Amino acid sequence: MKAFIGIDVQERRGCCFAVIDADGMAIETGWFNVPEKDAPQLIKKLINEDYDISVGIDAPRVPLSYPRKWYWNGASSKWRLRGSTEKGYGRHCEIVVRVHGLANPQYTPLVGEEKPWMKIGFNLFLALQHLVPTYEVFPTASYSLLHGITDVQIGMDFSNCKPGPKDILDAFVAAATIREFVYERGCKVGGGDGLGEIILPRLLRPPVITEVLAWPEKIEDLV
């Protein structure tokens, strides 16, 4: 039996999760007190119940070790070198999502400059990466791609919504996004910089800007 876990990362309220089965029906929802400890326990419990688990986390996988070299020029649809006054924040996957108008992500900063909720996400990925397949998701981008789509449905309950209703909904969407991807109805974007990919529940809608999907390796690639 397959099960898909979506985790919405929060700093103040904690992290909430939603577990759905292959049909999109809720198996379990709740909130983690200590995410990097509680999430592995949940996964081990589900594995013991014979579930095949995949996890989607709404947070960046890793920070930047150094400023990114390439910036996207929308006017010319080309990459360019970073300017001297530009910070170099952001990963390839976040740029692809923004350029295609799916969402406006908070660009991941350099090590030591990340926000507290991002650190929680980093720790979650580290805690889970050797247990089950883990993916980065972005519910806001999922909402954009699923707008007008009626065949992606879930059955949820409201038992754990009180601390943060939108957070729980995002956790369900994260889980549904991973389900769509595992069943080959979605796609992944970014990854050219080696800093992770974002999973989407559907293919990018036209017009697809193919130039931004490839990360430059050298100056010659800009031509």
N, C-alpha and C. Protein backbone atom coordinates (compact mmCIF):
# COMPACT_ATOMS: atom_id res chain seq x y z
N MET A 1 0.85 -1.19 0.00
CA MET A 1 0.00 0.00 0.00
C MET A 1 0.88 1.24 0.00
N LYS A 2 0.55 2.17 -0.84
CA LYS A 2 1.30 3.41 -0.89
C LYS A 2 0.64 4.47 0.00
N ALA A 3 1.47 5.27 0.63
CA ALA A 3 0.99 6.41 1.40
C ALA A 3 1.91 7.59 1.14
N PHE A 4 1.33 8.78 1.18
CA PHE A 4 2.06 10.00 0.86
C PHE A 4 1.89 10.98 2.01
N ILE A 5 3.02 11.47 2.50
CA ILE A 5 3.01 12.40 3.63
C ILE A 5 3.40 13.79 3.15
N GLY A 6 2.58 14.77 3.46
CA GLY A 6 2.92 16.16 3.20
C GLY A 6 3.21 16.85 4.52
N ILE A 7 4.29 17.60 4.58
CA ILE A 7 4.67 18.31 5.80
C ILE A 7 4.77 19.80 5.50
N ASP A 8 4.01 20.59 6.23
CA ASP A 8 4.07 22.04 6.11
C ASP A 8 4.95 22.56 7.25
N VAL A 9 6.01 23.23 6.90
CA VAL A 9 7.00 23.66 7.90
C VAL A 9 6.63 25.02 8.46
N GLN A 10 6.53 25.08 9.78
CA GLN A 10 6.20 26.30 10.48
C GLN A 10 7.19 26.49 11.63
N GLU A 11 7.41 27.74 12.00
CA GLU A 11 8.27 28.02 13.15
C GLU A 11 7.46 28.18 14.44
N ARG A 12 6.43 28.98 14.43
CA ARG A 12 5.72 29.33 15.66
C ARG A 12 4.74 28.25 16.10
N ARG A 13 3.97 27.71 15.14
CA ARG A 13 2.95 26.73 15.50
C ARG A 13 3.49 25.30 15.47
N GLY A 14 4.68 25.12 14.95
CA GLY A 14 5.18 23.77 14.74
C GLY A 14 4.85 23.32 13.32
N CYS A 15 5.21 22.10 13.00
CA CYS A 15 4.99 21.58 11.65
C CYS A 15 3.79 20.64 11.66
N CYS A 16 2.90 20.82 10.70
CA CYS A 16 1.76 19.92 10.60
C CYS A 16 2.01 18.94 9.46
N PHE A 17 1.29 17.83 9.51
CA PHE A 17 1.45 16.80 8.48
C PHE A 17 0.10 16.23 8.09
N ALA A 18 0.05 15.70 6.88
CA ALA A 18 -1.12 14.98 6.40
C ALA A 18 -0.64 13.75 5.67
N VAL A 19 -1.27 12.62 5.95
CA VAL A 19 -0.96 11.36 5.28
C VAL A 19 -2.17 10.93 4.48
N ILE A 20 -1.99 10.69 3.19
CA ILE A 20 -3.09 10.21 2.35
C ILE A 20 -2.67 8.90 1.68
N ASP A 21 -3.67 8.14 1.26
CA ASP A 21 -3.39 6.91 0.54
C ASP A 21 -3.43 7.16 -0.96
N ALA A 22 -3.33 6.09 -1.74
CA ALA A 22 -3.27 6.23 -3.19
C ALA A 22 -4.55 6.84 -3.76
N ASP A 23 -5.66 6.70 -3.06
CA ASP A 23 -6.94 7.27 -3.52
C ASP A 23 -7.15 8.69 -3.01
N GLY A 24 -6.19 9.21 -2.25
CA GLY A 24 -6.32 10.56 -1.73
C GLY A 24 -7.07 10.67 -0.43
N MET A 25 -7.38 9.55 0.19
CA MET A 25 -8.13 9.58 1.45
C MET A 25 -7.16 9.76 2.63
N ALA A 26 -7.58 10.57 3.59
CA ALA A 26 -6.75 10.85 4.75
C ALA A 26 -6.57 9.60 5.60
N ILE A 27 -5.32 9.34 5.94
CA ILE A 27 -4.99 8.26 6.87
C ILE A 27 -4.74 8.82 8.26
N GLU A 28 -4.05 9.94 8.30
CA GLU A 28 -3.71 10.54 9.59
C GLU A 28 -3.28 11.99 9.36
N THR A 29 -3.58 12.85 10.32
CA THR A 29 -3.09 14.23 10.31
C THR A 29 -2.64 14.60 11.72
N GLY A 30 -1.86 15.66 11.82
CA GLY A 30 -1.43 16.08 13.14
C GLY A 30 -0.34 17.12 13.08
N TRP A 31 0.27 17.36 14.25
CA TRP A 31 1.31 18.38 14.40
C TRP A 31 2.50 17.76 15.11
N PHE A 32 3.69 18.11 14.65
CA PHE A 32 4.91 17.62 15.27
C PHE A 32 5.39 18.62 16.33
N ASN A 33 5.72 18.12 17.52
CA ASN A 33 6.32 18.96 18.55
C ASN A 33 7.81 19.18 18.27
N VAL A 34 8.50 18.09 17.94
CA VAL A 34 9.92 18.14 17.57
C VAL A 34 10.02 17.46 16.20
N PRO A 35 9.90 18.21 15.12
CA PRO A 35 9.76 17.61 13.79
C PRO A 35 10.82 16.57 13.43
N GLU A 36 12.09 16.88 13.68
CA GLU A 36 13.15 15.96 13.25
C GLU A 36 13.14 14.65 14.04
N LYS A 37 12.41 14.61 15.17
CA LYS A 37 12.27 13.37 15.94
C LYS A 37 10.90 12.72 15.70
N ASP A 38 9.85 13.57 15.65
CA ASP A 38 8.49 13.04 15.52
C ASP A 38 8.22 12.49 14.12
N ALA A 39 8.75 13.15 13.08
CA ALA A 39 8.49 12.69 11.72
C ALA A 39 9.06 11.30 11.46
N PRO A 40 10.31 11.01 11.85
CA PRO A 40 10.80 9.64 11.67
C PRO A 40 9.97 8.60 12.41
N GLN A 41 9.47 8.95 13.59
CA GLN A 41 8.64 8.01 14.34
C GLN A 41 7.34 7.71 13.60
N LEU A 42 6.72 8.75 13.02
CA LEU A 42 5.51 8.55 12.24
C LEU A 42 5.78 7.64 11.04
N ILE A 43 6.88 7.90 10.36
CA ILE A 43 7.22 7.11 9.18
C ILE A 43 7.48 5.65 9.54
N LYS A 44 8.22 5.42 10.61
CA LYS A 44 8.50 4.05 11.03
C LYS A 44 7.22 3.32 11.40
N LYS A 45 6.29 4.02 12.04
CA LYS A 45 5.01 3.42 12.38
C LYS A 45 4.25 3.00 11.12
N LEU A 46 4.22 3.89 10.13
CA LEU A 46 3.51 3.57 8.90
C LEU A 46 4.19 2.45 8.12
N ILE A 47 5.51 2.43 8.13
CA ILE A 47 6.24 1.34 7.48
C ILE A 47 5.90 0.01 8.14
N ASN A 48 5.79 0.02 9.47
CA ASN A 48 5.41 -1.20 10.20
C ASN A 48 3.99 -1.64 9.87
N GLU A 49 3.19 -0.71 9.39
CA GLU A 49 1.83 -1.04 8.96
C GLU A 49 1.78 -1.39 7.48
N ASP A 50 2.98 -1.61 6.90
CA ASP A 50 3.13 -2.07 5.51
C ASP A 50 2.82 -1.00 4.47
N TYR A 51 3.00 0.26 4.83
CA TYR A 51 2.85 1.33 3.86
C TYR A 51 4.18 1.62 3.18
N ASP A 52 4.12 1.88 1.89
CA ASP A 52 5.26 2.33 1.10
C ASP A 52 5.19 3.86 1.07
N ILE A 53 6.13 4.53 1.72
CA ILE A 53 6.01 5.96 2.02
C ILE A 53 6.83 6.83 1.08
N SER A 54 6.24 7.95 0.67
CA SER A 54 6.97 9.05 0.03
C SER A 54 6.57 10.33 0.75
N VAL A 55 7.53 11.24 0.92
CA VAL A 55 7.30 12.44 1.74
C VAL A 55 7.58 13.71 0.93
N GLY A 56 6.69 14.67 1.05
CA GLY A 56 6.89 15.99 0.46
C GLY A 56 6.98 17.03 1.55
N ILE A 57 8.04 17.83 1.55
CA ILE A 57 8.28 18.84 2.57
C ILE A 57 8.23 20.22 1.94
N ASP A 58 7.43 21.09 2.52
CA ASP A 58 7.29 22.46 2.02
C ASP A 58 8.37 23.33 2.65
N ALA A 59 9.59 23.16 2.16
CA ALA A 59 10.74 23.93 2.64
C ALA A 59 11.91 23.64 1.71
N PRO A 60 12.87 24.55 1.62
CA PRO A 60 14.06 24.26 0.81
C PRO A 60 14.87 23.13 1.43
N ARG A 61 15.51 22.36 0.56
CA ARG A 61 16.28 21.20 1.01
C ARG A 61 17.60 21.62 1.66
N VAL A 62 18.29 22.59 1.06
CA VAL A 62 19.60 23.01 1.55
C VAL A 62 19.77 24.51 1.32
N PRO A 63 20.63 25.17 2.11
CA PRO A 63 20.96 26.57 1.86
C PRO A 63 22.04 26.70 0.80
N LEU A 64 22.37 27.91 0.44
CA LEU A 64 23.45 28.16 -0.51
C LEU A 64 24.78 28.24 0.23
N SER A 65 25.78 27.56 -0.28
CA SER A 65 27.12 27.65 0.31
C SER A 65 27.84 28.90 -0.16
N TYR A 66 27.44 29.41 -1.32
CA TYR A 66 28.05 30.62 -1.88
C TYR A 66 27.02 31.28 -2.80
N PRO A 67 27.17 32.58 -3.11
CA PRO A 67 26.19 33.27 -3.94
C PRO A 67 26.09 32.63 -5.33
N ARG A 68 24.86 32.55 -5.83
CA ARG A 68 24.70 31.97 -7.17
C ARG A 68 25.32 32.88 -8.22
N LYS A 69 25.85 32.26 -9.22
CA LYS A 69 26.59 32.98 -10.25
C LYS A 69 25.68 33.56 -11.33
N TRP A 70 24.56 32.87 -11.58
CA TRP A 70 23.74 33.23 -12.73
C TRP A 70 22.41 33.87 -12.32
N TYR A 71 22.01 34.86 -13.05
CA TYR A 71 20.71 35.52 -12.88
C TYR A 71 19.94 35.42 -14.19
N TRP A 72 18.62 35.40 -14.07
CA TRP A 72 17.78 35.28 -15.25
C TRP A 72 17.36 36.66 -15.75
N ASN A 73 17.53 36.89 -17.05
CA ASN A 73 17.10 38.13 -17.69
C ASN A 73 15.82 37.84 -18.45
N GLY A 74 14.69 38.26 -17.89
CA GLY A 74 13.41 37.97 -18.50
C GLY A 74 13.21 38.65 -19.83
N ALA A 75 13.77 39.84 -19.99
CA ALA A 75 13.57 40.59 -21.23
C ALA A 75 14.17 39.88 -22.43
N SER A 76 15.34 39.27 -22.22
CA SER A 76 16.01 38.58 -23.33
C SER A 76 15.88 37.06 -23.24
N SER A 77 15.22 36.57 -22.19
CA SER A 77 15.07 35.12 -21.97
C SER A 77 16.43 34.43 -21.99
N LYS A 78 17.38 35.02 -21.26
CA LYS A 78 18.72 34.45 -21.18
C LYS A 78 19.26 34.58 -19.77
N TRP A 79 20.19 33.71 -19.44
CA TRP A 79 20.93 33.85 -18.19
C TRP A 79 22.01 34.92 -18.36
N ARG A 80 22.38 35.54 -17.26
CA ARG A 80 23.47 36.52 -17.25
C ARG A 80 24.26 36.34 -15.97
N LEU A 81 25.45 36.93 -15.92
CA LEU A 81 26.26 36.88 -14.72
C LEU A 81 25.67 37.77 -13.62
N ARG A 82 25.85 37.39 -12.38
CA ARG A 82 25.39 38.18 -11.25
C ARG A 82 26.11 39.52 -11.22
N GLY A 83 25.34 40.57 -10.93
CA GLY A 83 25.93 41.89 -10.79
C GLY A 83 26.63 42.04 -9.46
N SER A 84 27.49 43.02 -9.36
CA SER A 84 28.31 43.21 -8.17
C SER A 84 27.49 43.58 -6.93
N THR A 85 26.30 44.16 -7.12
CA THR A 85 25.47 44.57 -5.99
C THR A 85 24.39 43.54 -5.65
N GLU A 86 24.32 42.46 -6.40
CA GLU A 86 23.28 41.45 -6.18
C GLU A 86 23.75 40.39 -5.18
N LYS A 87 22.85 39.96 -4.30
CA LYS A 87 23.22 39.09 -3.20
C LYS A 87 23.51 37.65 -3.62
N GLY A 88 22.89 37.21 -4.70
CA GLY A 88 23.11 35.84 -5.13
C GLY A 88 22.26 34.82 -4.40
N TYR A 89 21.13 35.26 -3.81
CA TYR A 89 20.22 34.34 -3.16
C TYR A 89 19.42 33.57 -4.21
N GLY A 90 18.85 32.45 -3.80
CA GLY A 90 17.93 31.71 -4.66
C GLY A 90 18.57 30.52 -5.34
N ARG A 91 17.77 29.47 -5.49
CA ARG A 91 18.21 28.26 -6.16
C ARG A 91 17.54 28.13 -7.52
N HIS A 92 18.10 27.29 -8.36
CA HIS A 92 17.59 27.10 -9.71
C HIS A 92 16.09 26.77 -9.69
N CYS A 93 15.68 25.85 -8.82
CA CYS A 93 14.28 25.42 -8.79
C CYS A 93 13.35 26.58 -8.46
N GLU A 94 13.77 27.46 -7.56
CA GLU A 94 12.94 28.60 -7.19
C GLU A 94 12.82 29.59 -8.34
N ILE A 95 13.90 29.75 -9.09
CA ILE A 95 13.88 30.66 -10.23
C ILE A 95 12.93 30.16 -11.31
N VAL A 96 12.96 28.85 -11.58
CA VAL A 96 12.07 28.27 -12.59
C VAL A 96 10.61 28.50 -12.21
N VAL A 97 10.28 28.27 -10.93
CA VAL A 97 8.91 28.46 -10.47
C VAL A 97 8.48 29.92 -10.63
N ARG A 98 9.37 30.83 -10.29
CA ARG A 98 9.02 32.25 -10.38
C ARG A 98 8.90 32.72 -11.83
N VAL A 99 9.84 32.30 -12.66
CA VAL A 99 9.82 32.74 -14.06
C VAL A 99 8.55 32.26 -14.78
N HIS A 100 8.05 31.10 -14.39
CA HIS A 100 6.83 30.58 -15.02
C HIS A 100 5.55 31.10 -14.35
N GLY A 101 5.70 32.01 -13.41
CA GLY A 101 4.54 32.66 -12.81
C GLY A 101 3.72 31.78 -11.90
N LEU A 102 4.32 30.71 -11.37
CA LEU A 102 3.57 29.81 -10.50
C LEU A 102 3.49 30.33 -9.07
N ALA A 103 4.47 31.08 -8.64
CA ALA A 103 4.52 31.60 -7.28
C ALA A 103 5.71 32.55 -7.16
N ASN A 104 5.78 33.24 -6.04
CA ASN A 104 6.92 34.11 -5.75
C ASN A 104 7.64 33.56 -4.51
N PRO A 105 8.51 32.60 -4.69
CA PRO A 105 9.16 31.97 -3.53
C PRO A 105 10.10 32.92 -2.80
N GLN A 106 10.28 32.65 -1.51
CA GLN A 106 11.34 33.33 -0.76
C GLN A 106 12.66 32.68 -1.17
N TYR A 107 13.50 33.43 -1.82
CA TYR A 107 14.75 32.85 -2.29
C TYR A 107 15.61 32.38 -1.12
N THR A 108 16.10 31.17 -1.24
CA THR A 108 16.95 30.60 -0.20
C THR A 108 18.24 31.39 -0.10
N PRO A 109 18.63 31.81 1.11
CA PRO A 109 19.85 32.61 1.28
C PRO A 109 21.08 31.75 1.52
N LEU A 110 22.17 32.41 1.86
CA LEU A 110 23.43 31.73 2.15
C LEU A 110 23.39 31.09 3.53
N VAL A 111 24.25 30.12 3.74
CA VAL A 111 24.40 29.50 5.05
C VAL A 111 24.65 30.58 6.10
N GLY A 112 23.94 30.51 7.20
CA GLY A 112 24.08 31.50 8.26
C GLY A 112 23.11 32.65 8.15
N GLU A 113 22.42 32.78 7.00
CA GLU A 113 21.47 33.86 6.80
C GLU A 113 20.04 33.34 6.65
N GLU A 114 19.87 32.03 6.75
CA GLU A 114 18.57 31.43 6.55
C GLU A 114 17.61 31.77 7.69
N LYS A 115 16.31 31.77 7.39
CA LYS A 115 15.27 32.04 8.39
C LYS A 115 15.07 30.79 9.26
N PRO A 116 14.56 30.97 10.48
CA PRO A 116 14.39 29.83 11.38
C PRO A 116 13.57 28.69 10.79
N TRP A 117 12.49 29.03 10.05
CA TRP A 117 11.66 27.95 9.49
C TRP A 117 12.42 27.16 8.43
N MET A 118 13.34 27.82 7.74
CA MET A 118 14.15 27.11 6.76
C MET A 118 15.06 26.10 7.43
N LYS A 119 15.62 26.48 8.58
CA LYS A 119 16.49 25.56 9.32
C LYS A 119 15.72 24.31 9.75
N ILE A 120 14.45 24.50 10.12
CA ILE A 120 13.63 23.35 10.47
C ILE A 120 13.50 22.42 9.27
N GLY A 121 13.28 23.02 8.10
CA GLY A 121 13.18 22.22 6.88
C GLY A 121 14.47 21.48 6.57
N PHE A 122 15.61 22.15 6.70
CA PHE A 122 16.90 21.49 6.47
C PHE A 122 17.05 20.26 7.37
N ASN A 123 16.69 20.44 8.66
CA ASN A 123 16.82 19.34 9.62
C ASN A 123 15.87 18.20 9.30
N LEU A 124 14.68 18.53 8.81
CA LEU A 124 13.73 17.49 8.43
C LEU A 124 14.26 16.65 7.28
N PHE A 125 14.79 17.31 6.27
CA PHE A 125 15.34 16.57 5.13
C PHE A 125 16.47 15.65 5.60
N LEU A 126 17.32 16.16 6.46
CA LEU A 126 18.43 15.34 6.97
C LEU A 126 17.92 14.15 7.77
N ALA A 127 16.87 14.36 8.55
CA ALA A 127 16.36 13.30 9.41
C ALA A 127 15.65 12.20 8.62
N LEU A 128 15.11 12.55 7.46
CA LEU A 128 14.27 11.60 6.72
C LEU A 128 14.93 11.01 5.48
N GLN A 129 16.01 11.63 4.99
CA GLN A 129 16.52 11.26 3.68
C GLN A 129 17.00 9.82 3.58
N HIS A 130 17.37 9.20 4.69
CA HIS A 130 17.83 7.82 4.65
C HIS A 130 16.71 6.83 5.00
N LEU A 131 15.52 7.35 5.31
CA LEU A 131 14.40 6.48 5.66
C LEU A 131 13.49 6.20 4.48
N VAL A 132 13.12 7.25 3.78
CA VAL A 132 12.16 7.15 2.68
C VAL A 132 12.50 8.19 1.62
N PRO A 133 11.95 8.07 0.41
CA PRO A 133 12.15 9.13 -0.58
C PRO A 133 11.55 10.45 -0.09
N THR A 134 12.35 11.49 -0.12
CA THR A 134 11.90 12.81 0.31
C THR A 134 11.99 13.78 -0.85
N TYR A 135 10.98 14.63 -0.96
CA TYR A 135 10.90 15.58 -2.06
C TYR A 135 10.58 16.97 -1.52
N GLU A 136 11.02 17.98 -2.24
CA GLU A 136 10.66 19.35 -1.90
C GLU A 136 9.44 19.75 -2.70
N VAL A 137 8.46 20.31 -2.04
CA VAL A 137 7.24 20.76 -2.71
C VAL A 137 6.99 22.23 -2.38
N PHE A 138 6.11 22.83 -3.14
CA PHE A 138 5.76 24.24 -2.94
C PHE A 138 4.26 24.36 -3.20
N PRO A 139 3.42 24.21 -2.15
CA PRO A 139 1.97 24.20 -2.35
C PRO A 139 1.43 25.37 -3.17
N THR A 140 1.99 26.56 -2.99
CA THR A 140 1.49 27.70 -3.77
C THR A 140 1.62 27.44 -5.26
N ALA A 141 2.74 26.87 -5.68
CA ALA A 141 2.92 26.52 -7.09
C ALA A 141 1.98 25.40 -7.50
N SER A 142 1.72 24.46 -6.59
CA SER A 142 0.78 23.38 -6.88
C SER A 142 -0.62 23.94 -7.11
N TYR A 143 -1.05 24.89 -6.27
CA TYR A 143 -2.36 25.51 -6.47
C TYR A 143 -2.46 26.13 -7.86
N SER A 144 -1.39 26.79 -8.30
CA SER A 144 -1.40 27.44 -9.61
C SER A 144 -1.59 26.41 -10.73
N LEU A 145 -0.83 25.32 -10.65
CA LEU A 145 -0.91 24.31 -11.72
C LEU A 145 -2.22 23.52 -11.68
N LEU A 146 -2.83 23.42 -10.51
CA LEU A 146 -4.07 22.65 -10.39
C LEU A 146 -5.31 23.51 -10.59
N HIS A 147 -5.13 24.79 -10.82
CA HIS A 147 -6.28 25.65 -11.06
C HIS A 147 -7.05 25.16 -12.29
N GLY A 148 -8.33 24.90 -12.11
CA GLY A 148 -9.15 24.40 -13.21
C GLY A 148 -9.11 22.89 -13.38
N ILE A 149 -8.25 22.21 -12.63
CA ILE A 149 -8.14 20.75 -12.70
C ILE A 149 -9.11 20.13 -11.70
N THR A 150 -9.95 19.23 -12.16
CA THR A 150 -10.97 18.64 -11.28
C THR A 150 -10.69 17.18 -10.93
N ASP A 151 -9.66 16.59 -11.51
CA ASP A 151 -9.43 15.17 -11.26
C ASP A 151 -8.35 14.90 -10.22
N VAL A 152 -7.91 15.92 -9.48
CA VAL A 152 -7.00 15.72 -8.35
C VAL A 152 -7.80 16.05 -7.09
N GLN A 153 -8.21 15.00 -6.41
CA GLN A 153 -9.09 15.18 -5.26
C GLN A 153 -8.53 14.43 -4.05
N ILE A 154 -8.87 14.93 -2.87
CA ILE A 154 -8.48 14.28 -1.63
C ILE A 154 -9.67 14.25 -0.69
N GLY A 155 -9.65 13.31 0.23
CA GLY A 155 -10.67 13.25 1.27
C GLY A 155 -10.01 13.58 2.59
N MET A 156 -10.34 14.73 3.16
CA MET A 156 -9.68 15.18 4.38
C MET A 156 -10.70 15.34 5.50
N ASP A 157 -10.20 15.33 6.72
CA ASP A 157 -11.05 15.66 7.85
C ASP A 157 -10.50 16.93 8.51
N PHE A 158 -11.22 17.40 9.53
CA PHE A 158 -10.89 18.70 10.14
C PHE A 158 -10.40 18.56 11.57
N SER A 159 -10.00 17.36 11.95
CA SER A 159 -9.69 17.09 13.35
C SER A 159 -8.47 17.83 13.87
N ASN A 160 -7.57 18.23 12.98
CA ASN A 160 -6.34 18.90 13.43
C ASN A 160 -6.14 20.27 12.78
N CYS A 161 -7.25 20.88 12.38
CA CYS A 161 -7.16 22.16 11.67
C CYS A 161 -7.02 23.37 12.59
N LYS A 162 -7.48 23.25 13.83
CA LYS A 162 -7.60 24.42 14.69
C LYS A 162 -6.32 25.24 14.82
N PRO A 163 -5.13 24.61 15.03
CA PRO A 163 -3.92 25.43 15.19
C PRO A 163 -3.54 26.22 13.94
N GLY A 164 -3.94 25.73 12.77
CA GLY A 164 -3.60 26.43 11.53
C GLY A 164 -4.28 25.78 10.35
N PRO A 165 -5.52 26.20 10.04
CA PRO A 165 -6.27 25.56 8.94
C PRO A 165 -5.56 25.59 7.59
N LYS A 166 -4.97 26.73 7.23
CA LYS A 166 -4.28 26.83 5.95
C LYS A 166 -3.03 25.94 5.95
N ASP A 167 -2.39 25.79 7.09
CA ASP A 167 -1.20 24.94 7.18
C ASP A 167 -1.56 23.49 6.90
N ILE A 168 -2.66 23.03 7.50
CA ILE A 168 -3.09 21.65 7.27
C ILE A 168 -3.47 21.45 5.81
N LEU A 169 -4.16 22.44 5.22
CA LEU A 169 -4.51 22.32 3.81
C LEU A 169 -3.26 22.24 2.94
N ASP A 170 -2.25 23.05 3.26
CA ASP A 170 -0.99 22.98 2.51
C ASP A 170 -0.33 21.61 2.67
N ALA A 171 -0.44 21.02 3.85
CA ALA A 171 0.13 19.68 4.07
C ALA A 171 -0.58 18.66 3.19
N PHE A 172 -1.91 18.76 3.08
CA PHE A 172 -2.65 17.86 2.20
C PHE A 172 -2.24 18.05 0.74
N VAL A 173 -2.10 19.30 0.33
CA VAL A 173 -1.70 19.58 -1.05
C VAL A 173 -0.28 19.07 -1.31
N ALA A 174 0.59 19.19 -0.32
CA ALA A 174 1.94 18.64 -0.45
C ALA A 174 1.89 17.14 -0.67
N ALA A 175 1.06 16.46 0.10
CA ALA A 175 0.92 15.01 -0.05
C ALA A 175 0.34 14.66 -1.42
N ALA A 176 -0.69 15.40 -1.84
CA ALA A 176 -1.30 15.14 -3.14
C ALA A 176 -0.31 15.40 -4.28
N THR A 177 0.52 16.42 -4.13
CA THR A 177 1.53 16.73 -5.14
C THR A 177 2.49 15.56 -5.33
N ILE A 178 2.94 14.98 -4.22
CA ILE A 178 3.85 13.84 -4.31
C ILE A 178 3.14 12.64 -4.92
N ARG A 179 1.89 12.43 -4.57
CA ARG A 179 1.14 11.32 -5.18
C ARG A 179 1.08 11.48 -6.69
N GLU A 180 0.77 12.69 -7.17
CA GLU A 180 0.69 12.91 -8.61
C GLU A 180 2.03 12.68 -9.28
N PHE A 181 3.10 13.09 -8.62
CA PHE A 181 4.44 12.91 -9.19
C PHE A 181 4.83 11.44 -9.24
N VAL A 182 4.58 10.72 -8.16
CA VAL A 182 4.94 9.29 -8.11
C VAL A 182 4.19 8.52 -9.18
N TYR A 183 2.96 8.92 -9.46
CA TYR A 183 2.17 8.25 -10.50
C TYR A 183 2.38 8.87 -11.88
N GLU A 184 3.47 9.62 -12.02
CA GLU A 184 3.94 10.15 -13.30
C GLU A 184 2.97 11.11 -13.97
N ARG A 185 2.27 11.88 -13.15
CA ARG A 185 1.40 12.92 -13.69
C ARG A 185 1.96 14.31 -13.45
N GLY A 186 3.08 14.40 -12.72
CA GLY A 186 3.69 15.67 -12.42
C GLY A 186 5.06 15.80 -13.04
N CYS A 187 5.87 16.69 -12.49
CA CYS A 187 7.22 16.88 -13.00
C CYS A 187 8.09 17.47 -11.89
N LYS A 188 9.37 17.57 -12.15
CA LYS A 188 10.29 18.23 -11.23
C LYS A 188 11.03 19.30 -12.00
N VAL A 189 11.36 20.40 -11.33
CA VAL A 189 12.04 21.51 -11.99
C VAL A 189 13.25 21.93 -11.17
N GLY A 190 14.24 22.48 -11.84
CA GLY A 190 15.45 22.95 -11.18
C GLY A 190 16.47 21.84 -11.06
N GLY A 191 17.36 22.02 -10.09
CA GLY A 191 18.38 21.01 -9.84
C GLY A 191 19.68 21.22 -10.58
N GLY A 192 19.71 22.16 -11.50
CA GLY A 192 20.93 22.38 -12.27
C GLY A 192 22.09 22.87 -11.44
N ASP A 193 21.78 23.50 -10.32
CA ASP A 193 22.82 24.01 -9.42
C ASP A 193 23.20 23.00 -8.34
N GLY A 194 22.57 21.82 -8.36
CA GLY A 194 22.86 20.81 -7.36
C GLY A 194 22.25 21.07 -6.00
N LEU A 195 21.27 21.99 -5.93
CA LEU A 195 20.70 22.40 -4.65
C LEU A 195 19.25 21.98 -4.49
N GLY A 196 18.84 20.97 -5.23
CA GLY A 196 17.50 20.44 -5.06
C GLY A 196 16.53 20.83 -6.16
N GLU A 197 15.48 20.04 -6.27
CA GLU A 197 14.42 20.25 -7.24
C GLU A 197 13.10 20.47 -6.52
N ILE A 198 12.17 21.15 -7.17
CA ILE A 198 10.82 21.30 -6.65
C ILE A 198 9.90 20.39 -7.46
N ILE A 199 9.07 19.63 -6.75
CA ILE A 199 8.13 18.71 -7.37
C ILE A 199 6.81 19.43 -7.61
N LEU A 200 6.26 19.23 -8.80
CA LEU A 200 4.98 19.84 -9.18
C LEU A 200 3.98 18.74 -9.54
N PRO A 201 2.68 19.00 -9.33
CA PRO A 201 1.67 17.96 -9.56
C PRO A 201 1.27 17.78 -11.01
N ARG A 202 1.68 18.68 -11.86
CA ARG A 202 1.40 18.60 -13.29
C ARG A 202 2.60 19.14 -14.07
N LEU A 203 2.62 18.88 -15.37
CA LEU A 203 3.65 19.46 -16.21
C LEU A 203 3.48 20.97 -16.27
N LEU A 204 4.56 21.68 -16.55
CA LEU A 204 4.47 23.12 -16.74
C LEU A 204 3.53 23.43 -17.90
N ARG A 205 2.74 24.47 -17.73
CA ARG A 205 1.81 24.85 -18.79
C ARG A 205 2.50 25.76 -19.80
N PRO A 206 2.12 25.64 -21.07
CA PRO A 206 2.68 26.54 -22.08
C PRO A 206 2.32 27.99 -21.77
N PRO A 207 3.16 28.94 -22.14
CA PRO A 207 4.45 28.72 -22.82
C PRO A 207 5.55 28.33 -21.83
N VAL A 208 6.18 27.20 -22.09
CA VAL A 208 7.29 26.75 -21.26
C VAL A 208 8.56 27.46 -21.71
N ILE A 209 9.25 28.08 -20.77
CA ILE A 209 10.47 28.81 -21.09
C ILE A 209 11.64 27.84 -20.93
N THR A 210 11.96 27.17 -22.01
CA THR A 210 12.93 26.07 -21.95
C THR A 210 14.32 26.55 -21.56
N GLU A 211 14.66 27.78 -21.91
CA GLU A 211 16.01 28.29 -21.61
C GLU A 211 16.29 28.34 -20.10
N VAL A 212 15.26 28.62 -19.30
CA VAL A 212 15.48 28.75 -17.86
C VAL A 212 15.57 27.37 -17.18
N LEU A 213 15.16 26.33 -17.88
CA LEU A 213 15.19 24.99 -17.30
C LEU A 213 16.61 24.44 -17.23
N ALA A 214 17.50 24.98 -18.05
CA ALA A 214 18.90 24.52 -18.07
C ALA A 214 19.77 25.52 -17.33
N TRP A 215 20.57 25.02 -16.42
CA TRP A 215 21.46 25.87 -15.62
C TRP A 215 22.79 26.02 -16.35
N PRO A 216 23.27 27.24 -16.59
CA PRO A 216 24.55 27.40 -17.30
C PRO A 216 25.72 26.81 -16.52
N GLU A 217 26.70 26.31 -17.23
CA GLU A 217 27.90 25.80 -16.59
C GLU A 217 29.10 26.72 -16.83
N LYS A 218 29.05 27.46 -17.92
CA LYS A 218 30.18 28.35 -18.25
C LYS A 218 29.66 29.53 -19.05
N ILE A 219 30.53 30.52 -19.24
CA ILE A 219 30.15 31.75 -19.93
C ILE A 219 29.61 31.46 -21.33
N GLU A 220 30.19 30.49 -21.99
CA GLU A 220 29.77 30.19 -23.37
C GLU A 220 28.30 29.78 -23.43
N ASP A 221 27.76 29.25 -22.33
CA ASP A 221 26.37 28.81 -22.31
C ASP A 221 25.40 29.99 -22.35
N LEU A 222 25.88 31.20 -22.10
CA LEU A 222 25.01 32.36 -22.08
C LEU A 222 24.67 32.85 -23.47
N VAL A 223 25.44 32.43 -24.44
CA VAL A 223 25.24 32.94 -25.82
C VAL A 223 24.09 32.22 -26.48
